[in-house]
Amino acid sequence: YAVFGFVEPHASIMEVRIIVQGFREPPDVVEGLIDETVRNLTSQIAALLDGELAAWRRNFRLQLTRPPSTLDQFAGLFWDQIWDGTDCFKQRDLQLRALDDDAEVSAQQLLDAWRRTVEPRDGARNKIVVKLYGKGAAGRLGAASSSGSPGAVITLAESAAVREQLKNEEFWPHEFICA
């Protein structure tokens, strides 16, 4: 299997994306394994030592202060904010100021933020699952996810068809605070 994952903020929401590509297990089994991995990450964050968190902060600071080395990276500093309409050109400075704040973020605060992302209080985590099947592959096309959560099932990934099938669905909020 090829496995990749990351956490990324999008305006007022936090995205946890885990991508698995392989063929040894069917997609429904892999979906359960991904959920188990998220639970394992929660326990790893709970066991995080303050020294480890301090090292993460130093590395994040290095990423924020590293100057762009290519034209693409330089443009990315500004274009993403223009494209999505947030226009928060001081985001990097705000992040650096938060890192310099005397009130250090504790491992418990990080754990609380992670839990709010993956285990919301109302119990209804917004989750998008994409399962791709090869032609003739055994699978449950047209069925809901194995977790039993309701949702739209799209069997034709062509933009006009997707737009039609999702016309009454809710979208992620697009509120961004740049203060």
N, C-alpha and C. Protein backbone atom coordinates (compact mmCIF):
# COMPACT_ATOMS: atom_id res chain seq x y z
N TYR A 1 0.83 -1.19 0.00
CA TYR A 1 0.00 0.00 0.00
C TYR A 1 0.87 1.25 0.00
N ALA A 2 0.38 2.29 -0.62
CA ALA A 2 0.95 3.61 -0.51
C ALA A 2 0.03 4.39 0.42
N VAL A 3 0.58 4.97 1.48
CA VAL A 3 -0.21 5.67 2.48
C VAL A 3 0.35 7.07 2.64
N PHE A 4 -0.54 8.06 2.71
CA PHE A 4 -0.13 9.45 2.87
C PHE A 4 -1.18 10.15 3.70
N GLY A 5 -0.78 11.04 4.58
CA GLY A 5 -1.75 11.78 5.37
C GLY A 5 -1.21 13.12 5.80
N PHE A 6 -2.11 14.05 6.07
CA PHE A 6 -1.72 15.36 6.57
C PHE A 6 -2.94 16.06 7.17
N VAL A 7 -2.65 17.11 7.93
CA VAL A 7 -3.69 17.95 8.53
C VAL A 7 -3.49 19.34 7.97
N GLU A 8 -4.59 19.97 7.54
CA GLU A 8 -4.48 21.28 6.92
C GLU A 8 -5.69 22.14 7.25
N PRO A 9 -5.46 23.40 7.63
CA PRO A 9 -6.60 24.28 7.88
C PRO A 9 -7.18 24.81 6.57
N HIS A 10 -8.48 24.94 6.53
CA HIS A 10 -9.19 25.55 5.40
C HIS A 10 -10.18 26.54 6.01
N ALA A 11 -9.83 27.81 5.98
CA ALA A 11 -10.67 28.85 6.56
C ALA A 11 -11.02 28.46 7.99
N SER A 12 -12.28 28.18 8.29
CA SER A 12 -12.70 27.92 9.66
C SER A 12 -12.76 26.43 10.00
N ILE A 13 -12.30 25.56 9.11
CA ILE A 13 -12.35 24.13 9.39
C ILE A 13 -10.95 23.53 9.32
N MET A 14 -10.80 22.36 9.88
CA MET A 14 -9.54 21.64 9.84
C MET A 14 -9.78 20.35 9.07
N GLU A 15 -8.94 20.11 8.09
CA GLU A 15 -9.05 18.90 7.27
C GLU A 15 -7.97 17.91 7.70
N VAL A 16 -8.39 16.68 7.96
CA VAL A 16 -7.47 15.57 8.20
C VAL A 16 -7.65 14.66 7.00
N ARG A 17 -6.61 14.56 6.19
CA ARG A 17 -6.73 13.77 4.96
C ARG A 17 -5.79 12.57 5.04
N ILE A 18 -6.35 11.40 4.81
CA ILE A 18 -5.56 10.17 4.78
C ILE A 18 -5.88 9.48 3.46
N ILE A 19 -4.84 9.21 2.70
CA ILE A 19 -4.99 8.60 1.38
C ILE A 19 -4.29 7.25 1.40
N VAL A 20 -5.00 6.23 0.97
CA VAL A 20 -4.44 4.88 0.90
C VAL A 20 -4.70 4.36 -0.51
N GLN A 21 -3.66 3.86 -1.12
CA GLN A 21 -3.79 3.27 -2.45
C GLN A 21 -3.23 1.85 -2.41
N GLY A 22 -4.03 0.91 -2.81
CA GLY A 22 -3.58 -0.47 -2.82
C GLY A 22 -4.70 -1.39 -3.28
N PHE A 23 -4.42 -2.68 -3.24
CA PHE A 23 -5.41 -3.63 -3.75
C PHE A 23 -5.54 -4.87 -2.88
N ARG A 24 -4.81 -4.97 -1.79
CA ARG A 24 -4.84 -6.18 -0.96
C ARG A 24 -6.14 -6.34 -0.19
N GLU A 25 -6.75 -5.23 0.21
CA GLU A 25 -8.01 -5.25 0.95
C GLU A 25 -9.03 -4.40 0.20
N PRO A 26 -10.30 -4.74 0.31
CA PRO A 26 -11.33 -3.91 -0.34
C PRO A 26 -11.45 -2.56 0.36
N PRO A 27 -11.95 -1.55 -0.35
CA PRO A 27 -12.05 -0.20 0.22
C PRO A 27 -12.81 -0.13 1.55
N ASP A 28 -13.83 -0.94 1.74
CA ASP A 28 -14.58 -0.88 2.99
C ASP A 28 -13.71 -1.29 4.18
N VAL A 29 -12.83 -2.27 4.00
CA VAL A 29 -11.93 -2.70 5.06
C VAL A 29 -10.90 -1.60 5.33
N VAL A 30 -10.37 -1.00 4.26
CA VAL A 30 -9.37 0.05 4.41
C VAL A 30 -9.96 1.26 5.13
N GLU A 31 -11.22 1.57 4.87
CA GLU A 31 -11.87 2.69 5.57
C GLU A 31 -11.84 2.46 7.09
N GLY A 32 -12.12 1.25 7.52
CA GLY A 32 -12.05 0.93 8.95
C GLY A 32 -10.65 1.05 9.50
N LEU A 33 -9.65 0.64 8.71
CA LEU A 33 -8.25 0.75 9.13
C LEU A 33 -7.84 2.21 9.28
N ILE A 34 -8.34 3.06 8.40
CA ILE A 34 -8.04 4.50 8.49
C ILE A 34 -8.63 5.06 9.78
N ASP A 35 -9.88 4.71 10.09
CA ASP A 35 -10.50 5.19 11.33
C ASP A 35 -9.71 4.72 12.55
N GLU A 36 -9.22 3.50 12.50
CA GLU A 36 -8.40 2.97 13.60
C GLU A 36 -7.09 3.76 13.73
N THR A 37 -6.50 4.13 12.60
CA THR A 37 -5.27 4.91 12.62
C THR A 37 -5.50 6.28 13.26
N VAL A 38 -6.62 6.90 12.96
CA VAL A 38 -6.94 8.20 13.58
C VAL A 38 -7.05 8.04 15.09
N ARG A 39 -7.66 6.95 15.56
CA ARG A 39 -7.73 6.70 17.01
C ARG A 39 -6.34 6.50 17.59
N ASN A 40 -5.46 5.80 16.86
CA ASN A 40 -4.09 5.59 17.33
C ASN A 40 -3.33 6.91 17.41
N LEU A 41 -3.55 7.80 16.45
CA LEU A 41 -2.91 9.12 16.50
C LEU A 41 -3.35 9.90 17.73
N THR A 42 -4.61 9.76 18.09
CA THR A 42 -5.12 10.43 19.28
C THR A 42 -4.35 9.97 20.51
N SER A 43 -4.12 8.66 20.63
CA SER A 43 -3.38 8.16 21.80
C SER A 43 -1.91 8.59 21.75
N GLN A 44 -1.33 8.71 20.56
CA GLN A 44 0.06 9.18 20.46
C GLN A 44 0.18 10.65 20.86
N ILE A 45 -0.80 11.46 20.47
CA ILE A 45 -0.79 12.87 20.86
C ILE A 45 -0.98 12.97 22.37
N ALA A 46 -1.82 12.11 22.95
CA ALA A 46 -2.04 12.12 24.39
C ALA A 46 -0.76 11.80 25.15
N ALA A 47 0.13 11.01 24.56
CA ALA A 47 1.38 10.63 25.21
C ALA A 47 2.54 11.57 24.87
N LEU A 48 2.26 12.63 24.12
CA LEU A 48 3.30 13.56 23.67
C LEU A 48 3.91 14.29 24.85
N LEU A 49 5.22 14.34 24.89
CA LEU A 49 5.94 15.06 25.94
C LEU A 49 6.10 16.52 25.55
N ASP A 50 6.20 17.40 26.55
CA ASP A 50 6.33 18.82 26.28
C ASP A 50 7.60 19.12 25.47
N GLY A 51 8.68 18.37 25.69
CA GLY A 51 9.91 18.57 24.92
C GLY A 51 9.71 18.26 23.44
N GLU A 52 8.92 17.23 23.16
CA GLU A 52 8.62 16.90 21.76
C GLU A 52 7.80 18.00 21.11
N LEU A 53 6.85 18.54 21.87
CA LEU A 53 6.02 19.62 21.35
C LEU A 53 6.88 20.85 21.07
N ALA A 54 7.83 21.14 21.93
CA ALA A 54 8.73 22.27 21.72
C ALA A 54 9.54 22.08 20.43
N ALA A 55 9.96 20.84 20.16
CA ALA A 55 10.70 20.56 18.91
C ALA A 55 9.79 20.77 17.70
N TRP A 56 8.54 20.38 17.80
CA TRP A 56 7.59 20.60 16.70
C TRP A 56 7.44 22.10 16.44
N ARG A 57 7.35 22.88 17.53
CA ARG A 57 7.21 24.34 17.38
C ARG A 57 8.44 24.93 16.68
N ARG A 58 9.63 24.48 17.07
CA ARG A 58 10.86 24.97 16.41
C ARG A 58 10.86 24.63 14.92
N ASN A 59 10.46 23.41 14.60
CA ASN A 59 10.43 23.01 13.18
C ASN A 59 9.38 23.81 12.41
N PHE A 60 8.24 24.07 13.02
CA PHE A 60 7.21 24.86 12.35
C PHE A 60 7.72 26.28 12.11
N ARG A 61 8.43 26.84 13.10
CA ARG A 61 9.01 28.17 12.95
C ARG A 61 9.99 28.19 11.77
N LEU A 62 10.81 27.16 11.66
CA LEU A 62 11.76 27.07 10.54
C LEU A 62 11.02 27.05 9.20
N GLN A 63 9.93 26.31 9.13
CA GLN A 63 9.14 26.26 7.89
C GLN A 63 8.57 27.62 7.55
N LEU A 64 8.08 28.34 8.57
CA LEU A 64 7.47 29.64 8.33
C LEU A 64 8.49 30.71 7.94
N THR A 65 9.71 30.60 8.44
CA THR A 65 10.72 31.63 8.18
C THR A 65 11.61 31.32 6.99
N ARG A 66 11.51 30.11 6.46
CA ARG A 66 12.33 29.76 5.30
C ARG A 66 11.83 30.55 4.08
N PRO A 67 12.72 31.30 3.45
CA PRO A 67 12.27 32.06 2.27
C PRO A 67 11.97 31.14 1.09
N PRO A 68 11.06 31.55 0.24
CA PRO A 68 10.76 30.72 -0.94
C PRO A 68 11.99 30.59 -1.83
N SER A 69 12.19 29.40 -2.38
CA SER A 69 13.38 29.18 -3.22
C SER A 69 13.03 29.09 -4.70
N THR A 70 11.75 29.07 -5.01
CA THR A 70 11.34 29.03 -6.41
C THR A 70 10.25 30.08 -6.64
N LEU A 71 10.05 30.43 -7.89
CA LEU A 71 8.99 31.37 -8.22
C LEU A 71 7.63 30.82 -7.83
N ASP A 72 7.43 29.52 -8.00
CA ASP A 72 6.17 28.88 -7.64
C ASP A 72 5.90 29.03 -6.14
N GLN A 73 6.92 28.82 -5.31
CA GLN A 73 6.75 28.97 -3.87
C GLN A 73 6.44 30.42 -3.50
N PHE A 74 7.11 31.36 -4.15
CA PHE A 74 6.87 32.77 -3.89
C PHE A 74 5.44 33.15 -4.25
N ALA A 75 5.01 32.73 -5.42
CA ALA A 75 3.64 33.04 -5.85
C ALA A 75 2.63 32.39 -4.91
N GLY A 76 2.94 31.19 -4.42
CA GLY A 76 2.05 30.47 -3.52
C GLY A 76 1.79 31.21 -2.22
N LEU A 77 2.75 32.07 -1.81
CA LEU A 77 2.55 32.86 -0.60
C LEU A 77 1.34 33.78 -0.73
N PHE A 78 1.04 34.20 -1.95
CA PHE A 78 -0.01 35.18 -2.16
C PHE A 78 -1.20 34.63 -2.96
N TRP A 79 -0.92 33.79 -3.95
CA TRP A 79 -1.98 33.39 -4.87
C TRP A 79 -3.08 32.58 -4.17
N ASP A 80 -2.70 31.70 -3.26
CA ASP A 80 -3.72 30.90 -2.58
C ASP A 80 -4.76 31.79 -1.88
N GLN A 81 -4.29 32.86 -1.26
CA GLN A 81 -5.20 33.76 -0.55
C GLN A 81 -6.05 34.58 -1.51
N ILE A 82 -5.50 34.89 -2.66
CA ILE A 82 -6.28 35.60 -3.67
C ILE A 82 -7.32 34.65 -4.26
N TRP A 83 -6.91 33.44 -4.54
CA TRP A 83 -7.79 32.45 -5.18
C TRP A 83 -9.00 32.13 -4.32
N ASP A 84 -8.77 31.87 -3.01
CA ASP A 84 -9.90 31.48 -2.16
C ASP A 84 -10.62 32.67 -1.54
N GLY A 85 -10.14 33.88 -1.80
CA GLY A 85 -10.83 35.08 -1.35
C GLY A 85 -10.62 35.44 0.10
N THR A 86 -9.67 34.80 0.79
CA THR A 86 -9.45 35.12 2.20
C THR A 86 -8.64 36.41 2.35
N ASP A 87 -7.74 36.68 1.41
CA ASP A 87 -6.93 37.90 1.41
C ASP A 87 -6.27 38.18 2.75
N CYS A 88 -5.79 37.16 3.40
CA CYS A 88 -5.10 37.33 4.68
C CYS A 88 -3.60 37.20 4.43
N PHE A 89 -3.02 38.28 3.94
CA PHE A 89 -1.62 38.26 3.55
C PHE A 89 -0.67 38.31 4.75
N LYS A 90 -1.23 38.50 5.92
CA LYS A 90 -0.40 38.54 7.13
C LYS A 90 -0.50 37.24 7.93
N GLN A 91 -1.03 36.18 7.33
CA GLN A 91 -1.23 34.92 8.04
C GLN A 91 0.09 34.38 8.60
N ARG A 92 1.14 34.42 7.81
CA ARG A 92 2.44 33.91 8.26
C ARG A 92 2.94 34.71 9.46
N ASP A 93 2.80 36.04 9.41
CA ASP A 93 3.22 36.87 10.54
C ASP A 93 2.40 36.57 11.78
N LEU A 94 1.11 36.35 11.61
CA LEU A 94 0.26 36.00 12.74
C LEU A 94 0.67 34.65 13.35
N GLN A 95 1.02 33.70 12.50
CA GLN A 95 1.45 32.40 13.00
C GLN A 95 2.77 32.53 13.76
N LEU A 96 3.70 33.33 13.24
CA LEU A 96 4.97 33.54 13.93
C LEU A 96 4.74 34.24 15.27
N ARG A 97 3.84 35.22 15.30
CA ARG A 97 3.55 35.93 16.54
C ARG A 97 2.96 34.96 17.57
N ALA A 98 2.10 34.05 17.12
CA ALA A 98 1.52 33.06 18.04
C ALA A 98 2.61 32.12 18.58
N LEU A 99 3.58 31.78 17.74
CA LEU A 99 4.68 30.93 18.20
C LEU A 99 5.56 31.66 19.21
N ASP A 100 5.69 32.99 19.06
CA ASP A 100 6.52 33.78 19.96
C ASP A 100 5.80 34.15 21.25
N ASP A 101 4.49 33.94 21.29
CA ASP A 101 3.70 34.29 22.46
C ASP A 101 4.26 33.57 23.68
N ASP A 102 4.31 34.27 24.78
CA ASP A 102 4.84 33.68 26.02
C ASP A 102 4.00 32.51 26.51
N ALA A 103 2.72 32.53 26.19
CA ALA A 103 1.84 31.45 26.63
C ALA A 103 2.04 30.25 25.72
N GLU A 104 2.92 29.36 26.09
CA GLU A 104 3.21 28.16 25.30
C GLU A 104 1.97 27.29 25.19
N VAL A 105 1.81 26.68 24.06
CA VAL A 105 0.73 25.72 23.87
C VAL A 105 1.17 24.41 24.50
N SER A 106 0.33 23.86 25.35
CA SER A 106 0.68 22.61 26.02
C SER A 106 0.26 21.42 25.17
N ALA A 107 0.81 20.27 25.51
CA ALA A 107 0.43 19.04 24.83
C ALA A 107 -1.06 18.76 25.03
N GLN A 108 -1.60 19.14 26.20
CA GLN A 108 -3.02 18.94 26.47
C GLN A 108 -3.87 19.81 25.55
N GLN A 109 -3.45 21.06 25.30
CA GLN A 109 -4.19 21.93 24.39
C GLN A 109 -4.17 21.38 22.97
N LEU A 110 -3.03 20.83 22.57
CA LEU A 110 -2.94 20.20 21.25
C LEU A 110 -3.88 19.00 21.17
N LEU A 111 -3.89 18.19 22.21
CA LEU A 111 -4.78 17.03 22.25
C LEU A 111 -6.24 17.47 22.19
N ASP A 112 -6.59 18.52 22.93
CA ASP A 112 -7.97 19.01 22.90
C ASP A 112 -8.35 19.48 21.50
N ALA A 113 -7.46 20.20 20.82
CA ALA A 113 -7.74 20.68 19.46
C ALA A 113 -7.88 19.50 18.50
N TRP A 114 -7.02 18.50 18.63
CA TRP A 114 -7.10 17.31 17.77
C TRP A 114 -8.44 16.60 17.99
N ARG A 115 -8.82 16.44 19.24
CA ARG A 115 -10.08 15.75 19.55
C ARG A 115 -11.29 16.52 19.01
N ARG A 116 -11.25 17.86 19.08
CA ARG A 116 -12.35 18.64 18.51
C ARG A 116 -12.44 18.40 17.00
N THR A 117 -11.29 18.12 16.38
CA THR A 117 -11.27 17.89 14.94
C THR A 117 -11.79 16.50 14.58
N VAL A 118 -11.32 15.48 15.28
CA VAL A 118 -11.67 14.10 14.89
C VAL A 118 -12.78 13.47 15.72
N GLU A 119 -13.12 14.08 16.86
CA GLU A 119 -14.18 13.56 17.73
C GLU A 119 -15.06 14.71 18.19
N PRO A 120 -15.83 15.33 17.29
CA PRO A 120 -16.63 16.48 17.71
C PRO A 120 -17.64 16.12 18.80
N ARG A 121 -17.99 17.12 19.60
CA ARG A 121 -18.91 16.89 20.74
C ARG A 121 -20.24 16.30 20.32
N ASP A 122 -20.74 16.75 19.17
CA ASP A 122 -22.05 16.24 18.75
C ASP A 122 -21.94 14.83 18.15
N GLY A 123 -20.71 14.31 18.05
CA GLY A 123 -20.50 12.94 17.59
C GLY A 123 -20.60 12.76 16.09
N ALA A 124 -20.95 13.80 15.36
CA ALA A 124 -21.14 13.69 13.92
C ALA A 124 -19.97 14.34 13.19
N ARG A 125 -18.90 13.60 13.02
CA ARG A 125 -17.74 14.12 12.29
C ARG A 125 -18.09 14.18 10.81
N ASN A 126 -17.82 15.31 10.20
CA ASN A 126 -18.01 15.41 8.75
C ASN A 126 -16.90 14.64 8.08
N LYS A 127 -17.28 13.73 7.22
CA LYS A 127 -16.31 12.82 6.64
C LYS A 127 -16.64 12.61 5.18
N ILE A 128 -15.62 12.71 4.36
CA ILE A 128 -15.79 12.43 2.94
C ILE A 128 -14.93 11.21 2.63
N VAL A 129 -15.55 10.20 2.07
CA VAL A 129 -14.84 8.97 1.72
C VAL A 129 -14.94 8.80 0.21
N VAL A 130 -13.80 8.62 -0.41
CA VAL A 130 -13.75 8.37 -1.86
C VAL A 130 -13.18 6.98 -2.05
N LYS A 131 -13.95 6.14 -2.71
CA LYS A 131 -13.51 4.77 -2.99
C LYS A 131 -13.54 4.58 -4.50
N LEU A 132 -12.41 4.25 -5.06
CA LEU A 132 -12.33 4.03 -6.50
C LEU A 132 -12.16 2.54 -6.76
N TYR A 133 -12.95 2.03 -7.67
CA TYR A 133 -12.92 0.62 -8.02
C TYR A 133 -12.49 0.49 -9.47
N GLY A 134 -11.64 -0.47 -9.74
CA GLY A 134 -11.28 -0.77 -11.13
C GLY A 134 -12.42 -1.47 -11.83
N LYS A 135 -12.39 -1.45 -13.14
CA LYS A 135 -13.43 -2.09 -13.92
C LYS A 135 -13.49 -3.58 -13.57
N GLY A 136 -14.68 -4.04 -13.24
CA GLY A 136 -14.88 -5.44 -12.90
C GLY A 136 -14.49 -5.82 -11.48
N ALA A 137 -14.02 -4.85 -10.69
CA ALA A 137 -13.61 -5.16 -9.32
C ALA A 137 -14.83 -5.41 -8.45
N ALA A 138 -14.66 -6.34 -7.53
CA ALA A 138 -15.74 -6.61 -6.58
C ALA A 138 -15.84 -5.42 -5.64
N GLY A 139 -17.02 -4.99 -5.34
CA GLY A 139 -17.20 -3.85 -4.45
C GLY A 139 -18.67 -3.56 -4.29
N ARG A 140 -18.96 -2.65 -3.40
CA ARG A 140 -20.35 -2.32 -3.12
C ARG A 140 -20.68 -0.96 -3.69
N LEU A 141 -20.53 -0.79 -4.96
CA LEU A 141 -20.88 0.49 -5.57
C LEU A 141 -22.33 0.79 -5.30
N GLY A 142 -22.59 2.04 -4.93
CA GLY A 142 -23.96 2.44 -4.66
C GLY A 142 -24.37 2.26 -3.22
N ALA A 143 -23.51 1.65 -2.39
CA ALA A 143 -23.83 1.47 -0.98
C ALA A 143 -23.16 2.55 -0.16
N ALA A 144 -23.71 2.81 1.00
CA ALA A 144 -23.10 3.79 1.89
C ALA A 144 -21.83 3.20 2.49
N SER A 145 -21.06 4.04 3.17
CA SER A 145 -19.80 3.58 3.74
C SER A 145 -20.05 2.52 4.80
N SER A 146 -19.02 1.76 5.10
CA SER A 146 -19.14 0.70 6.08
C SER A 146 -19.40 1.23 7.48
N SER A 147 -19.10 2.51 7.71
CA SER A 147 -19.33 3.07 9.03
C SER A 147 -20.81 3.33 9.28
N GLY A 148 -21.62 3.18 8.25
CA GLY A 148 -23.05 3.36 8.41
C GLY A 148 -23.50 4.81 8.40
N SER A 149 -22.58 5.73 8.17
CA SER A 149 -22.96 7.14 8.17
C SER A 149 -23.68 7.48 6.87
N PRO A 150 -24.71 8.33 6.97
CA PRO A 150 -25.44 8.71 5.77
C PRO A 150 -24.60 9.60 4.88
N GLY A 151 -24.92 9.64 3.65
CA GLY A 151 -24.20 10.53 2.75
C GLY A 151 -24.56 10.26 1.32
N ALA A 152 -24.08 11.14 0.48
CA ALA A 152 -24.32 10.99 -0.95
C ALA A 152 -23.34 9.98 -1.52
N VAL A 153 -23.83 9.12 -2.38
CA VAL A 153 -22.98 8.16 -3.06
C VAL A 153 -22.94 8.56 -4.52
N ILE A 154 -21.74 8.78 -5.00
CA ILE A 154 -21.56 9.20 -6.39
C ILE A 154 -20.89 8.07 -7.13
N THR A 155 -21.49 7.62 -8.20
CA THR A 155 -20.91 6.51 -8.95
C THR A 155 -20.36 6.95 -10.29
N LEU A 156 -20.56 8.21 -10.66
CA LEU A 156 -20.01 8.73 -11.91
C LEU A 156 -19.27 10.02 -11.56
N ALA A 157 -17.94 9.98 -11.62
CA ALA A 157 -17.13 11.13 -11.23
C ALA A 157 -16.86 12.04 -12.42
N GLU A 158 -17.89 12.58 -12.97
CA GLU A 158 -17.78 13.55 -14.06
C GLU A 158 -18.45 14.82 -13.54
N SER A 159 -17.83 16.00 -13.76
CA SER A 159 -18.23 17.21 -13.05
C SER A 159 -19.71 17.54 -13.16
N ALA A 160 -20.32 17.42 -14.33
CA ALA A 160 -21.74 17.74 -14.46
C ALA A 160 -22.59 16.76 -13.64
N ALA A 161 -22.23 15.49 -13.65
CA ALA A 161 -22.98 14.49 -12.89
C ALA A 161 -22.82 14.74 -11.38
N VAL A 162 -21.61 15.07 -10.95
CA VAL A 162 -21.38 15.33 -9.53
C VAL A 162 -22.16 16.57 -9.10
N ARG A 163 -22.12 17.63 -9.90
CA ARG A 163 -22.86 18.85 -9.58
C ARG A 163 -24.35 18.55 -9.42
N GLU A 164 -24.89 17.75 -10.30
CA GLU A 164 -26.32 17.41 -10.24
C GLU A 164 -26.62 16.59 -8.98
N GLN A 165 -25.79 15.60 -8.69
CA GLN A 165 -26.04 14.73 -7.54
C GLN A 165 -25.87 15.46 -6.21
N LEU A 166 -25.04 16.50 -6.17
CA LEU A 166 -24.78 17.21 -4.92
C LEU A 166 -25.50 18.55 -4.82
N LYS A 167 -26.45 18.82 -5.69
CA LYS A 167 -27.06 20.15 -5.74
C LYS A 167 -27.77 20.54 -4.45
N ASN A 168 -28.24 19.60 -3.67
CA ASN A 168 -28.94 19.93 -2.42
C ASN A 168 -28.10 19.65 -1.18
N GLU A 169 -26.83 19.32 -1.37
CA GLU A 169 -25.96 19.02 -0.23
C GLU A 169 -25.39 20.31 0.36
N GLU A 170 -24.99 20.25 1.63
CA GLU A 170 -24.34 21.38 2.29
C GLU A 170 -22.86 21.37 1.92
N PHE A 171 -22.25 22.53 1.94
CA PHE A 171 -20.83 22.65 1.66
C PHE A 171 -20.13 23.15 2.91
N TRP A 172 -18.81 23.01 2.93
CA TRP A 172 -18.03 23.50 4.06
C TRP A 172 -18.23 25.00 4.16
N PRO A 173 -18.26 25.52 5.38
CA PRO A 173 -18.39 26.97 5.52
C PRO A 173 -17.12 27.66 4.99
N HIS A 174 -17.30 28.87 4.51
CA HIS A 174 -16.16 29.61 3.98
C HIS A 174 -16.04 30.93 4.74
N GLU A 175 -15.76 30.81 6.01
CA GLU A 175 -15.57 31.97 6.86
C GLU A 175 -14.13 31.95 7.33
N PHE A 176 -13.46 33.08 7.18
CA PHE A 176 -12.05 33.15 7.55
C PHE A 176 -11.82 34.38 8.39
N ILE A 177 -11.18 34.21 9.53
CA ILE A 177 -10.90 35.34 10.40
C ILE A 177 -9.40 35.64 10.30
N CYS A 178 -9.09 36.84 9.87
CA CYS A 178 -7.70 37.27 9.74
C CYS A 178 -7.50 38.46 10.66
N ALA A 179 -7.12 38.18 11.90
CA ALA A 179 -7.01 39.27 12.88
C ALA A 179 -5.62 39.34 13.46
